[in-house]
Amino acid sequence: MNAATQGLFRGVFGHAPMAWWIVVGVVLATIPSRTFAIGCEIGTTDGSASCYLTGTFEQREGSRTWLEIINPTGHDLLVYAYFFDANERPLRCVFTSMSANDLWEIAVDRLDLNADHGVAKLVSFAKPREPTIGIVGNQRIWYRKRQGISETGLRPIQSRILEEDLARMIEPNFKECRKVSQE
């Protein structure tokens, strides 16, 4: 450390009153440790890859939805898909292992969800209880009667919201999750 830097440290730290140091110590001691979803915090620069994606599904009037999940990483992931109806009731949970650069297509109409539309939430894990960044995806809805297709990206959600959602909604409602093979 050069002399100028040493002088700056002595000037700042040597003249701070003792009460200031006590307050700083108390504040630092009360900050909770951040151990959850550390693998989710460092994302891509444009925010597209995430450990938590959300979207919708549509089955009204003969519509069909496909969710396409991609693992663009160089490592294996465990990916869970949680489905809720439009009134927030949990419907089903499925999961699969995804190797590097893998694609998982979920045909929602084959899951027998007993709901005509709702919400899909997808979470990627390095191993159970360790969310990690690594998935991107799209949702494609085919409207039979209107003879049209809609495709949009699944939305990445911040890791702090995932922590709350897992604790308050997903884990209490989905005690069992069925492993599926990719089509």
N, C-alpha and C. Protein backbone atom coordinates (compact mmCIF):
# COMPACT_ATOMS: atom_id res chain seq x y z
N MET A 1 0.86 -1.17 0.00
CA MET A 1 0.00 0.00 0.00
C MET A 1 0.91 1.23 0.00
N ASN A 2 0.62 2.21 -0.85
CA ASN A 2 1.49 3.39 -0.92
C ASN A 2 1.21 4.35 0.23
N ALA A 3 2.06 5.35 0.39
CA ALA A 3 1.98 6.27 1.52
C ALA A 3 0.70 7.09 1.48
N ALA A 4 0.25 7.48 0.31
CA ALA A 4 -0.97 8.29 0.21
C ALA A 4 -2.19 7.49 0.68
N THR A 5 -2.27 6.21 0.27
CA THR A 5 -3.38 5.35 0.68
C THR A 5 -3.34 5.11 2.18
N GLN A 6 -2.16 4.87 2.74
CA GLN A 6 -2.03 4.67 4.19
C GLN A 6 -2.47 5.91 4.95
N GLY A 7 -2.09 7.08 4.45
CA GLY A 7 -2.49 8.32 5.11
C GLY A 7 -4.00 8.51 5.08
N LEU A 8 -4.63 8.15 3.96
CA LEU A 8 -6.08 8.27 3.84
C LEU A 8 -6.77 7.35 4.86
N PHE A 9 -6.32 6.10 4.96
CA PHE A 9 -6.91 5.17 5.93
C PHE A 9 -6.75 5.68 7.36
N ARG A 10 -5.55 6.17 7.70
CA ARG A 10 -5.33 6.69 9.06
C ARG A 10 -6.23 7.89 9.32
N GLY A 11 -6.40 8.74 8.31
CA GLY A 11 -7.23 9.93 8.47
C GLY A 11 -8.69 9.58 8.70
N VAL A 12 -9.21 8.61 7.94
CA VAL A 12 -10.62 8.23 8.07
C VAL A 12 -10.85 7.42 9.33
N PHE A 13 -10.06 6.36 9.51
CA PHE A 13 -10.29 5.45 10.62
C PHE A 13 -9.77 5.97 11.95
N GLY A 14 -8.74 6.79 11.93
CA GLY A 14 -8.17 7.30 13.17
C GLY A 14 -8.98 8.40 13.81
N HIS A 15 -9.85 9.08 13.06
CA HIS A 15 -10.59 10.22 13.60
C HIS A 15 -12.07 9.93 13.81
N ALA A 16 -12.53 8.75 13.47
CA ALA A 16 -13.95 8.42 13.67
C ALA A 16 -14.21 8.21 15.16
N PRO A 17 -15.28 8.81 15.67
CA PRO A 17 -15.61 8.62 17.10
C PRO A 17 -15.99 7.17 17.39
N MET A 18 -15.76 6.75 18.62
CA MET A 18 -16.03 5.38 19.05
C MET A 18 -17.51 5.03 18.84
N ALA A 19 -18.42 5.95 19.06
CA ALA A 19 -19.86 5.69 18.88
C ALA A 19 -20.15 5.31 17.43
N TRP A 20 -19.46 5.95 16.49
CA TRP A 20 -19.65 5.63 15.08
C TRP A 20 -19.26 4.19 14.81
N TRP A 21 -18.14 3.74 15.35
CA TRP A 21 -17.67 2.37 15.15
C TRP A 21 -18.64 1.36 15.76
N ILE A 22 -19.24 1.70 16.90
CA ILE A 22 -20.21 0.81 17.54
C ILE A 22 -21.44 0.66 16.65
N VAL A 23 -21.94 1.78 16.10
CA VAL A 23 -23.10 1.73 15.22
C VAL A 23 -22.80 0.90 13.98
N VAL A 24 -21.64 1.10 13.39
CA VAL A 24 -21.26 0.33 12.20
C VAL A 24 -21.21 -1.16 12.54
N GLY A 25 -20.64 -1.51 13.68
CA GLY A 25 -20.56 -2.92 14.09
C GLY A 25 -21.93 -3.53 14.29
N VAL A 26 -22.85 -2.80 14.93
CA VAL A 26 -24.21 -3.31 15.16
C VAL A 26 -24.93 -3.51 13.83
N VAL A 27 -24.82 -2.55 12.92
CA VAL A 27 -25.49 -2.66 11.62
C VAL A 27 -24.94 -3.87 10.86
N LEU A 28 -23.65 -4.03 10.81
CA LEU A 28 -23.07 -5.17 10.10
C LEU A 28 -23.46 -6.49 10.73
N ALA A 29 -23.59 -6.54 12.04
CA ALA A 29 -23.96 -7.78 12.72
C ALA A 29 -25.41 -8.16 12.47
N THR A 30 -26.27 -7.19 12.18
CA THR A 30 -27.68 -7.50 11.99
C THR A 30 -28.06 -7.77 10.54
N ILE A 31 -27.14 -7.58 9.62
CA ILE A 31 -27.44 -7.89 8.23
C ILE A 31 -27.50 -9.41 8.10
N PRO A 32 -28.62 -9.94 7.57
CA PRO A 32 -28.74 -11.40 7.45
C PRO A 32 -27.73 -11.95 6.44
N SER A 33 -27.30 -13.15 6.70
CA SER A 33 -26.39 -13.78 5.75
C SER A 33 -27.18 -14.16 4.51
N ARG A 34 -26.56 -14.02 3.36
CA ARG A 34 -27.23 -14.29 2.10
C ARG A 34 -26.73 -15.61 1.55
N THR A 35 -27.41 -16.68 1.91
CA THR A 35 -26.99 -17.98 1.43
C THR A 35 -27.94 -18.54 0.39
N PHE A 36 -29.16 -18.05 0.32
CA PHE A 36 -30.14 -18.58 -0.62
C PHE A 36 -29.89 -18.03 -2.01
N ALA A 37 -30.00 -18.87 -2.96
CA ALA A 37 -30.01 -18.49 -4.38
C ALA A 37 -28.80 -17.67 -4.80
N ILE A 38 -27.65 -17.92 -4.17
CA ILE A 38 -26.45 -17.20 -4.58
C ILE A 38 -26.16 -17.49 -6.04
N GLY A 39 -26.44 -18.71 -6.48
CA GLY A 39 -26.24 -19.06 -7.88
C GLY A 39 -27.18 -18.33 -8.82
N CYS A 40 -28.20 -17.68 -8.29
CA CYS A 40 -29.15 -16.93 -9.12
C CYS A 40 -28.80 -15.46 -9.23
N GLU A 41 -27.93 -14.97 -8.38
CA GLU A 41 -27.69 -13.54 -8.34
C GLU A 41 -26.85 -13.01 -9.48
N ILE A 42 -25.96 -13.81 -10.00
CA ILE A 42 -25.11 -13.35 -11.09
C ILE A 42 -25.74 -13.83 -12.38
N GLY A 43 -26.39 -12.93 -13.07
CA GLY A 43 -27.09 -13.31 -14.29
C GLY A 43 -26.39 -12.81 -15.53
N THR A 44 -27.04 -13.00 -16.64
CA THR A 44 -26.49 -12.49 -17.89
C THR A 44 -26.66 -10.99 -17.93
N THR A 45 -25.89 -10.32 -18.75
CA THR A 45 -25.92 -8.86 -18.78
C THR A 45 -27.26 -8.30 -19.21
N ASP A 46 -27.99 -9.03 -20.05
CA ASP A 46 -29.29 -8.52 -20.47
C ASP A 46 -30.45 -9.10 -19.64
N GLY A 47 -30.15 -9.93 -18.66
CA GLY A 47 -31.17 -10.45 -17.77
C GLY A 47 -32.00 -11.57 -18.35
N SER A 48 -31.60 -12.15 -19.47
CA SER A 48 -32.44 -13.15 -20.12
C SER A 48 -32.37 -14.52 -19.45
N ALA A 49 -31.19 -14.96 -19.04
CA ALA A 49 -31.08 -16.25 -18.36
C ALA A 49 -31.37 -16.04 -16.88
N SER A 50 -32.01 -17.01 -16.28
CA SER A 50 -32.43 -16.86 -14.90
C SER A 50 -32.50 -18.23 -14.25
N CYS A 51 -32.72 -18.24 -12.95
CA CYS A 51 -33.03 -19.49 -12.28
C CYS A 51 -34.54 -19.60 -12.09
N TYR A 52 -35.28 -18.54 -12.44
CA TYR A 52 -36.72 -18.49 -12.20
C TYR A 52 -37.41 -17.79 -13.36
N LEU A 53 -38.22 -18.53 -14.09
CA LEU A 53 -38.97 -17.98 -15.23
C LEU A 53 -40.46 -18.15 -14.98
N THR A 54 -41.26 -17.21 -15.49
CA THR A 54 -42.71 -17.35 -15.40
C THR A 54 -43.36 -17.11 -16.76
N GLY A 55 -44.54 -17.69 -16.90
CA GLY A 55 -45.34 -17.51 -18.10
C GLY A 55 -46.76 -17.94 -17.83
N THR A 56 -47.51 -18.13 -18.89
CA THR A 56 -48.91 -18.54 -18.77
C THR A 56 -49.17 -19.75 -19.65
N PHE A 57 -50.31 -20.37 -19.42
CA PHE A 57 -50.77 -21.40 -20.33
C PHE A 57 -52.23 -21.13 -20.65
N GLU A 58 -52.64 -21.56 -21.82
CA GLU A 58 -53.99 -21.30 -22.32
C GLU A 58 -54.55 -22.59 -22.91
N GLN A 59 -55.78 -22.94 -22.48
CA GLN A 59 -56.44 -24.13 -23.02
C GLN A 59 -57.90 -23.87 -23.35
N ARG A 60 -58.32 -22.60 -23.32
CA ARG A 60 -59.70 -22.25 -23.64
C ARG A 60 -59.94 -22.38 -25.14
N GLU A 61 -61.15 -22.77 -25.49
CA GLU A 61 -61.60 -22.88 -26.89
C GLU A 61 -60.63 -23.68 -27.75
N GLY A 62 -60.12 -24.77 -27.19
CA GLY A 62 -59.25 -25.65 -27.96
C GLY A 62 -57.81 -25.17 -28.11
N SER A 63 -57.44 -24.11 -27.43
CA SER A 63 -56.06 -23.62 -27.51
C SER A 63 -55.10 -24.61 -26.86
N ARG A 64 -53.87 -24.58 -27.30
CA ARG A 64 -52.83 -25.44 -26.73
C ARG A 64 -51.58 -24.63 -26.48
N THR A 65 -50.86 -24.97 -25.41
CA THR A 65 -49.64 -24.26 -25.04
C THR A 65 -48.46 -25.20 -24.97
N TRP A 66 -47.34 -24.76 -25.49
CA TRP A 66 -46.06 -25.46 -25.33
C TRP A 66 -45.10 -24.51 -24.64
N LEU A 67 -44.40 -25.02 -23.66
CA LEU A 67 -43.31 -24.27 -23.03
C LEU A 67 -42.02 -24.89 -23.52
N GLU A 68 -41.11 -24.08 -24.01
CA GLU A 68 -39.82 -24.57 -24.48
C GLU A 68 -38.74 -24.00 -23.57
N ILE A 69 -38.08 -24.89 -22.83
CA ILE A 69 -37.07 -24.50 -21.86
C ILE A 69 -35.71 -24.93 -22.41
N ILE A 70 -34.75 -24.02 -22.37
CA ILE A 70 -33.42 -24.29 -22.90
C ILE A 70 -32.40 -24.12 -21.77
N ASN A 71 -31.46 -25.06 -21.70
CA ASN A 71 -30.31 -24.94 -20.80
C ASN A 71 -29.12 -24.51 -21.66
N PRO A 72 -28.84 -23.21 -21.74
CA PRO A 72 -27.73 -22.75 -22.59
C PRO A 72 -26.37 -22.86 -21.92
N THR A 73 -26.32 -23.42 -20.73
CA THR A 73 -25.07 -23.48 -19.97
C THR A 73 -24.22 -24.67 -20.39
N GLY A 74 -23.07 -24.77 -19.79
CA GLY A 74 -22.18 -25.89 -20.03
C GLY A 74 -22.25 -26.93 -18.93
N HIS A 75 -23.31 -26.90 -18.10
CA HIS A 75 -23.44 -27.87 -17.01
C HIS A 75 -24.87 -28.38 -16.90
N ASP A 76 -25.03 -29.48 -16.17
CA ASP A 76 -26.36 -30.09 -15.99
C ASP A 76 -27.20 -29.29 -15.00
N LEU A 77 -28.50 -29.30 -15.22
CA LEU A 77 -29.45 -28.63 -14.34
C LEU A 77 -30.60 -29.58 -14.03
N LEU A 78 -31.26 -29.33 -12.93
CA LEU A 78 -32.51 -29.99 -12.58
C LEU A 78 -33.57 -28.89 -12.67
N VAL A 79 -34.56 -29.06 -13.55
CA VAL A 79 -35.54 -27.99 -13.81
C VAL A 79 -36.93 -28.46 -13.41
N TYR A 80 -37.59 -27.64 -12.58
CA TYR A 80 -38.94 -27.92 -12.10
C TYR A 80 -39.92 -26.97 -12.77
N ALA A 81 -41.09 -27.48 -13.15
CA ALA A 81 -42.17 -26.67 -13.71
C ALA A 81 -43.38 -26.79 -12.80
N TYR A 82 -43.85 -25.68 -12.26
CA TYR A 82 -44.99 -25.62 -11.35
C TYR A 82 -46.15 -24.95 -12.07
N PHE A 83 -47.35 -25.51 -11.95
CA PHE A 83 -48.51 -24.97 -12.64
C PHE A 83 -49.60 -24.60 -11.63
N PHE A 84 -50.19 -23.43 -11.83
CA PHE A 84 -51.27 -22.90 -10.99
C PHE A 84 -52.43 -22.50 -11.90
N ASP A 85 -53.67 -22.62 -11.39
CA ASP A 85 -54.78 -22.12 -12.19
C ASP A 85 -54.88 -20.61 -12.01
N ALA A 86 -55.84 -19.99 -12.68
CA ALA A 86 -55.98 -18.53 -12.64
C ALA A 86 -56.40 -18.02 -11.26
N ASN A 87 -56.82 -18.92 -10.37
CA ASN A 87 -57.20 -18.53 -9.01
C ASN A 87 -56.13 -18.92 -7.99
N GLU A 88 -54.90 -19.12 -8.47
CA GLU A 88 -53.72 -19.39 -7.64
C GLU A 88 -53.69 -20.78 -7.01
N ARG A 89 -54.59 -21.66 -7.40
CA ARG A 89 -54.57 -23.02 -6.85
C ARG A 89 -53.48 -23.84 -7.53
N PRO A 90 -52.68 -24.56 -6.74
CA PRO A 90 -51.64 -25.40 -7.32
C PRO A 90 -52.26 -26.58 -8.07
N LEU A 91 -51.73 -26.86 -9.25
CA LEU A 91 -52.27 -27.93 -10.08
C LEU A 91 -51.31 -29.12 -10.19
N ARG A 92 -50.09 -28.86 -10.58
CA ARG A 92 -49.16 -29.96 -10.86
C ARG A 92 -47.74 -29.44 -10.84
N CYS A 93 -46.82 -30.35 -10.54
CA CYS A 93 -45.39 -30.08 -10.60
C CYS A 93 -44.72 -31.22 -11.34
N VAL A 94 -43.88 -30.89 -12.30
CA VAL A 94 -43.09 -31.89 -13.02
C VAL A 94 -41.65 -31.39 -13.08
N PHE A 95 -40.72 -32.33 -13.21
CA PHE A 95 -39.33 -31.92 -13.32
C PHE A 95 -38.56 -32.89 -14.19
N THR A 96 -37.41 -32.42 -14.65
CA THR A 96 -36.53 -33.26 -15.47
C THR A 96 -35.09 -32.77 -15.31
N SER A 97 -34.17 -33.64 -15.63
CA SER A 97 -32.75 -33.27 -15.69
C SER A 97 -32.48 -32.73 -17.09
N MET A 98 -31.70 -31.67 -17.15
CA MET A 98 -31.34 -31.10 -18.44
C MET A 98 -29.82 -31.03 -18.54
N SER A 99 -29.28 -31.64 -19.57
CA SER A 99 -27.84 -31.57 -19.79
C SER A 99 -27.50 -30.24 -20.46
N ALA A 100 -26.22 -29.98 -20.60
CA ALA A 100 -25.77 -28.74 -21.23
C ALA A 100 -26.36 -28.62 -22.63
N ASN A 101 -26.88 -27.45 -22.96
CA ASN A 101 -27.46 -27.13 -24.27
C ASN A 101 -28.69 -27.97 -24.61
N ASP A 102 -29.40 -28.43 -23.60
CA ASP A 102 -30.57 -29.27 -23.76
C ASP A 102 -31.83 -28.43 -23.99
N LEU A 103 -32.85 -29.05 -24.57
CA LEU A 103 -34.16 -28.44 -24.79
C LEU A 103 -35.22 -29.33 -24.17
N TRP A 104 -36.12 -28.74 -23.36
CA TRP A 104 -37.25 -29.47 -22.78
C TRP A 104 -38.51 -28.78 -23.28
N GLU A 105 -39.32 -29.52 -24.04
CA GLU A 105 -40.59 -28.98 -24.51
C GLU A 105 -41.70 -29.60 -23.69
N ILE A 106 -42.52 -28.75 -23.07
CA ILE A 106 -43.63 -29.21 -22.25
C ILE A 106 -44.93 -28.93 -23.00
N ALA A 107 -45.64 -29.97 -23.38
CA ALA A 107 -46.96 -29.83 -23.99
C ALA A 107 -47.96 -29.77 -22.83
N VAL A 108 -48.40 -28.59 -22.49
CA VAL A 108 -49.22 -28.38 -21.30
C VAL A 108 -50.52 -29.18 -21.35
N ASP A 109 -51.12 -29.33 -22.54
CA ASP A 109 -52.39 -30.05 -22.63
C ASP A 109 -52.24 -31.53 -22.27
N ARG A 110 -51.03 -32.06 -22.27
CA ARG A 110 -50.81 -33.47 -21.91
C ARG A 110 -50.60 -33.67 -20.41
N LEU A 111 -50.66 -32.60 -19.64
CA LEU A 111 -50.46 -32.70 -18.19
C LEU A 111 -51.76 -32.90 -17.41
N ASP A 112 -52.90 -32.85 -18.08
CA ASP A 112 -54.21 -33.00 -17.42
C ASP A 112 -54.32 -32.07 -16.22
N LEU A 113 -54.22 -30.77 -16.47
CA LEU A 113 -54.21 -29.79 -15.38
C LEU A 113 -55.59 -29.46 -14.83
N ASN A 114 -56.64 -29.78 -15.52
CA ASN A 114 -58.00 -29.45 -15.06
C ASN A 114 -58.18 -27.95 -14.83
N ALA A 115 -57.62 -27.16 -15.72
CA ALA A 115 -57.80 -25.71 -15.69
C ALA A 115 -57.71 -25.22 -17.14
N ASP A 116 -58.51 -24.23 -17.48
CA ASP A 116 -58.48 -23.75 -18.86
C ASP A 116 -57.40 -22.71 -19.13
N HIS A 117 -56.86 -22.10 -18.08
CA HIS A 117 -55.72 -21.19 -18.23
C HIS A 117 -55.09 -20.97 -16.86
N GLY A 118 -53.85 -20.48 -16.86
CA GLY A 118 -53.19 -20.28 -15.59
C GLY A 118 -51.74 -19.84 -15.75
N VAL A 119 -50.97 -20.10 -14.70
CA VAL A 119 -49.60 -19.61 -14.58
C VAL A 119 -48.64 -20.79 -14.52
N ALA A 120 -47.50 -20.64 -15.20
CA ALA A 120 -46.41 -21.63 -15.14
C ALA A 120 -45.20 -20.94 -14.53
N LYS A 121 -44.54 -21.62 -13.59
CA LYS A 121 -43.32 -21.12 -12.96
C LYS A 121 -42.26 -22.20 -13.12
N LEU A 122 -41.08 -21.81 -13.60
CA LEU A 122 -39.99 -22.75 -13.83
C LEU A 122 -38.77 -22.33 -13.03
N VAL A 123 -38.16 -23.32 -12.35
CA VAL A 123 -37.01 -23.04 -11.49
C VAL A 123 -35.91 -24.03 -11.84
N SER A 124 -34.68 -23.52 -12.00
CA SER A 124 -33.54 -24.39 -12.27
C SER A 124 -32.67 -24.51 -11.02
N PHE A 125 -32.21 -25.73 -10.79
CA PHE A 125 -31.39 -26.04 -9.63
C PHE A 125 -30.09 -26.72 -10.07
N ALA A 126 -28.99 -26.44 -9.37
CA ALA A 126 -27.75 -27.18 -9.58
C ALA A 126 -27.90 -28.55 -8.93
N LYS A 127 -28.54 -28.56 -7.75
CA LYS A 127 -28.93 -29.76 -7.03
C LYS A 127 -30.08 -29.34 -6.13
N PRO A 128 -30.83 -30.28 -5.54
CA PRO A 128 -31.99 -29.89 -4.74
C PRO A 128 -31.65 -28.81 -3.71
N ARG A 129 -32.52 -27.83 -3.61
CA ARG A 129 -32.43 -26.70 -2.68
C ARG A 129 -31.28 -25.75 -3.00
N GLU A 130 -30.73 -25.82 -4.20
CA GLU A 130 -29.67 -24.91 -4.61
C GLU A 130 -30.01 -24.32 -5.98
N PRO A 131 -30.90 -23.29 -6.01
CA PRO A 131 -31.25 -22.68 -7.29
C PRO A 131 -30.01 -22.12 -7.96
N THR A 132 -29.95 -22.24 -9.27
CA THR A 132 -28.81 -21.70 -10.02
C THR A 132 -29.28 -21.17 -11.36
N ILE A 133 -28.64 -20.11 -11.78
CA ILE A 133 -29.00 -19.50 -13.06
C ILE A 133 -28.70 -20.46 -14.19
N GLY A 134 -29.52 -20.42 -15.22
CA GLY A 134 -29.20 -21.29 -16.33
C GLY A 134 -30.30 -21.57 -17.32
N ILE A 135 -31.50 -21.05 -17.15
CA ILE A 135 -32.53 -21.39 -18.12
C ILE A 135 -33.06 -20.14 -18.83
N VAL A 136 -33.45 -20.37 -20.06
CA VAL A 136 -34.18 -19.38 -20.85
C VAL A 136 -35.35 -20.15 -21.47
N GLY A 137 -36.34 -19.44 -21.96
CA GLY A 137 -37.46 -20.18 -22.55
C GLY A 137 -38.48 -19.31 -23.25
N ASN A 138 -39.36 -20.01 -23.96
CA ASN A 138 -40.46 -19.38 -24.70
C ASN A 138 -41.75 -20.13 -24.40
N GLN A 139 -42.85 -19.44 -24.61
CA GLN A 139 -44.16 -20.08 -24.57
C GLN A 139 -44.82 -19.85 -25.91
N ARG A 140 -45.38 -20.92 -26.44
CA ARG A 140 -46.04 -20.85 -27.74
C ARG A 140 -47.48 -21.31 -27.52
N ILE A 141 -48.41 -20.46 -27.91
CA ILE A 141 -49.83 -20.79 -27.79
C ILE A 141 -50.44 -20.86 -29.19
N TRP A 142 -51.07 -21.99 -29.46
CA TRP A 142 -51.74 -22.19 -30.74
C TRP A 142 -53.23 -22.04 -30.49
N TYR A 143 -53.84 -21.07 -31.15
CA TYR A 143 -55.27 -20.80 -31.03
C TYR A 143 -55.98 -21.51 -32.18
N ARG A 144 -56.60 -22.64 -31.89
CA ARG A 144 -57.23 -23.45 -32.95
C ARG A 144 -58.34 -22.71 -33.67
N LYS A 145 -59.29 -22.19 -32.91
CA LYS A 145 -60.46 -21.58 -33.55
C LYS A 145 -60.10 -20.29 -34.29
N ARG A 146 -59.10 -19.60 -33.79
CA ARG A 146 -58.68 -18.37 -34.46
C ARG A 146 -57.58 -18.64 -35.49
N GLN A 147 -57.11 -19.86 -35.52
CA GLN A 147 -56.07 -20.29 -36.44
C GLN A 147 -54.85 -19.37 -36.42
N GLY A 148 -54.36 -19.15 -35.21
CA GLY A 148 -53.18 -18.30 -35.06
C GLY A 148 -52.25 -18.84 -33.99
N ILE A 149 -51.03 -18.33 -33.99
CA ILE A 149 -50.03 -18.73 -33.01
C ILE A 149 -49.44 -17.49 -32.37
N SER A 150 -49.22 -17.57 -31.08
CA SER A 150 -48.56 -16.50 -30.33
C SER A 150 -47.31 -17.09 -29.68
N GLU A 151 -46.19 -16.39 -29.78
CA GLU A 151 -44.99 -16.84 -29.11
C GLU A 151 -44.35 -15.67 -28.38
N THR A 152 -44.06 -15.88 -27.11
CA THR A 152 -43.39 -14.86 -26.30
C THR A 152 -42.36 -15.55 -25.42
N GLY A 153 -41.42 -14.76 -24.95
CA GLY A 153 -40.41 -15.29 -24.04
C GLY A 153 -40.98 -15.47 -22.64
N LEU A 154 -40.50 -16.49 -21.95
CA LEU A 154 -40.82 -16.62 -20.53
C LEU A 154 -40.02 -15.55 -19.80
N ARG A 155 -40.62 -14.94 -18.81
CA ARG A 155 -40.01 -13.80 -18.13
C ARG A 155 -39.09 -14.21 -16.99
N PRO A 156 -37.85 -13.69 -16.98
CA PRO A 156 -36.96 -13.96 -15.84
C PRO A 156 -37.39 -13.14 -14.62
N ILE A 157 -37.36 -13.76 -13.46
CA ILE A 157 -37.78 -13.12 -12.21
C ILE A 157 -36.58 -13.06 -11.27
N GLN A 158 -36.48 -12.02 -10.47
CA GLN A 158 -35.36 -11.82 -9.56
C GLN A 158 -35.29 -12.92 -8.50
N SER A 159 -34.06 -13.25 -8.09
CA SER A 159 -33.85 -14.34 -7.14
C SER A 159 -34.48 -14.07 -5.78
N ARG A 160 -34.54 -12.82 -5.35
CA ARG A 160 -35.15 -12.55 -4.03
C ARG A 160 -36.64 -12.87 -4.03
N ILE A 161 -37.29 -12.75 -5.19
CA ILE A 161 -38.70 -13.12 -5.31
C ILE A 161 -38.84 -14.63 -5.29
N LEU A 162 -37.89 -15.33 -5.91
CA LEU A 162 -37.90 -16.79 -5.87
C LEU A 162 -37.81 -17.29 -4.44
N GLU A 163 -36.92 -16.71 -3.65
CA GLU A 163 -36.77 -17.15 -2.26
C GLU A 163 -38.10 -17.06 -1.52
N GLU A 164 -38.79 -15.94 -1.66
CA GLU A 164 -40.08 -15.75 -1.00
C GLU A 164 -41.13 -16.71 -1.56
N ASP A 165 -41.15 -16.87 -2.88
CA ASP A 165 -42.16 -17.71 -3.52
C ASP A 165 -41.97 -19.18 -3.15
N LEU A 166 -40.73 -19.65 -3.10
CA LEU A 166 -40.50 -21.04 -2.70
C LEU A 166 -41.00 -21.27 -1.28
N ALA A 167 -40.69 -20.36 -0.39
CA ALA A 167 -41.04 -20.54 1.03
C ALA A 167 -42.54 -20.39 1.29
N ARG A 168 -43.21 -19.50 0.57
CA ARG A 168 -44.60 -19.20 0.90
C ARG A 168 -45.63 -19.86 0.01
N MET A 169 -45.26 -20.20 -1.23
CA MET A 169 -46.27 -20.74 -2.12
C MET A 169 -45.88 -22.09 -2.71
N ILE A 170 -44.70 -22.18 -3.28
CA ILE A 170 -44.37 -23.39 -4.02
C ILE A 170 -44.15 -24.59 -3.10
N GLU A 171 -43.22 -24.48 -2.16
CA GLU A 171 -42.92 -25.64 -1.31
C GLU A 171 -44.10 -26.12 -0.47
N PRO A 172 -44.88 -25.23 0.16
CA PRO A 172 -46.00 -25.75 0.94
C PRO A 172 -47.07 -26.45 0.11
N ASN A 173 -47.22 -26.07 -1.16
CA ASN A 173 -48.29 -26.61 -1.99
C ASN A 173 -47.88 -27.81 -2.84
N PHE A 174 -46.62 -27.99 -3.08
CA PHE A 174 -46.16 -29.07 -3.94
C PHE A 174 -45.24 -30.01 -3.15
N LYS A 175 -45.84 -30.87 -2.38
CA LYS A 175 -45.07 -31.85 -1.61
C LYS A 175 -44.51 -32.94 -2.52
N GLU A 176 -45.18 -33.20 -3.62
CA GLU A 176 -44.73 -34.21 -4.56
C GLU A 176 -44.59 -33.57 -5.94
N CYS A 177 -43.55 -33.98 -6.62
CA CYS A 177 -43.31 -33.50 -7.96
C CYS A 177 -42.91 -34.71 -8.80
N ARG A 178 -43.53 -34.87 -9.96
CA ARG A 178 -43.33 -36.05 -10.79
C ARG A 178 -42.20 -35.84 -11.79
N LYS A 179 -41.26 -36.77 -11.80
CA LYS A 179 -40.18 -36.74 -12.79
C LYS A 179 -40.76 -37.17 -14.13
N VAL A 180 -40.42 -36.41 -15.18
CA VAL A 180 -40.90 -36.73 -16.52
C VAL A 180 -39.70 -36.85 -17.45
N SER A 181 -39.89 -37.59 -18.51
CA SER A 181 -38.85 -37.69 -19.52
C SER A 181 -39.17 -36.67 -20.61
N GLN A 182 -38.14 -36.19 -21.25
CA GLN A 182 -38.34 -35.21 -22.30
C GLN A 182 -38.82 -35.88 -23.58
N GLU A 183 -39.67 -35.18 -24.29
CA GLU A 183 -40.21 -35.72 -25.55
C GLU A 183 -39.34 -35.37 -26.71
